[in-house]
Amino acid sequence: MPAKPFEPNKSCYVCSETPLLLDVNTKATKLREVIDKI
């Protein structure tokens, strides 16, 4: 029995359509640090 999905929450970072820019200094930051902080 299929369920009707909820309306997206506009204040939700995942549901919203607002782009997210992430600036990372790749010379000083390791991938593990980025993953751990996100």
C-alpha atoms as a PDB file:
ATOM      1  CA  MET A   1       0.000   0.000   0.000  1.00  0.00           C
ATOM      2  CA  PRO A   2       1.828   3.150  -1.171  1.00  0.00           C
ATOM      3  CA  ALA A   3       2.044   6.146   1.138  1.00  0.00           C
ATOM      4  CA  LYS A   4       1.713   9.751   0.047  1.00  0.00           C
ATOM      5  CA  PRO A   5       4.967  11.645   0.786  1.00  0.00           C
ATOM      6  CA  PHE A   6       5.033  14.667   3.080  1.00  0.00           C
ATOM      7  CA  GLU A   7       5.503  18.163   1.687  1.00  0.00           C
ATOM      8  CA  PRO A   8       9.173  19.256   1.820  1.00  0.00           C
ATOM      9  CA  ASN A   9      10.111  21.364   4.827  1.00  0.00           C
ATOM     10  CA  LYS A  10      11.472  24.678   3.461  1.00  0.00           C
ATOM     11  CA  SER A  11      13.714  25.209   6.505  1.00  0.00           C
ATOM     12  CA  CYS A  12      15.244  21.729   6.163  1.00  0.00           C
ATOM     13  CA  TYR A  13      18.728  21.779   4.640  1.00  0.00           C
ATOM     14  CA  VAL A  14      18.107  18.448   2.876  1.00  0.00           C
ATOM     15  CA  CYS A  15      14.576  19.236   1.608  1.00  0.00           C
ATOM     16  CA  SER A  16      15.165  22.850   0.598  1.00  0.00           C
ATOM     17  CA  GLU A  17      16.297  23.846  -2.853  1.00  0.00           C
ATOM     18  CA  THR A  18      18.801  26.384  -1.536  1.00  0.00           C
ATOM     19  CA  PRO A  19      22.278  25.586  -2.837  1.00  0.00           C
ATOM     20  CA  LEU A  20      25.073  25.111  -0.337  1.00  0.00           C
ATOM     21  CA  LEU A  21      28.567  26.317  -1.144  1.00  0.00           C
ATOM     22  CA  LEU A  22      31.424  24.679   0.688  1.00  0.00           C
ATOM     23  CA  ASP A  23      34.890  26.194   0.470  1.00  0.00           C
ATOM     24  CA  VAL A  24      37.684  23.830   1.535  1.00  0.00           C
ATOM     25  CA  ASN A  25      41.411  24.483   1.572  1.00  0.00           C
ATOM     26  CA  THR A  26      42.552  21.184   0.057  1.00  0.00           C
ATOM     27  CA  LYS A  27      46.200  21.872   0.883  1.00  0.00           C
ATOM     28  CA  ALA A  28      45.513  22.088   4.636  1.00  0.00           C
ATOM     29  CA  THR A  29      42.376  19.957   5.098  1.00  0.00           C
ATOM     30  CA  LYS A  30      42.050  16.191   4.883  1.00  0.00           C
ATOM     31  CA  LEU A  31      38.954  14.522   3.471  1.00  0.00           C
ATOM     32  CA  ARG A  32      38.352  12.809   6.835  1.00  0.00           C
ATOM     33  CA  GLU A  33      38.081  16.242   8.532  1.00  0.00           C
ATOM     34  CA  VAL A  34      35.434  17.375   6.044  1.00  0.00           C
ATOM     35  CA  ILE A  35      33.438  14.156   6.445  1.00  0.00           C
ATOM     36  CA  ASP A  36      33.620  14.312  10.257  1.00  0.00           C
ATOM     37  CA  LYS A  37      32.424  17.928  10.393  1.00  0.00           C
ATOM     38  CA  ILE A  38      29.570  17.493   7.927  1.00  0.00           C
END
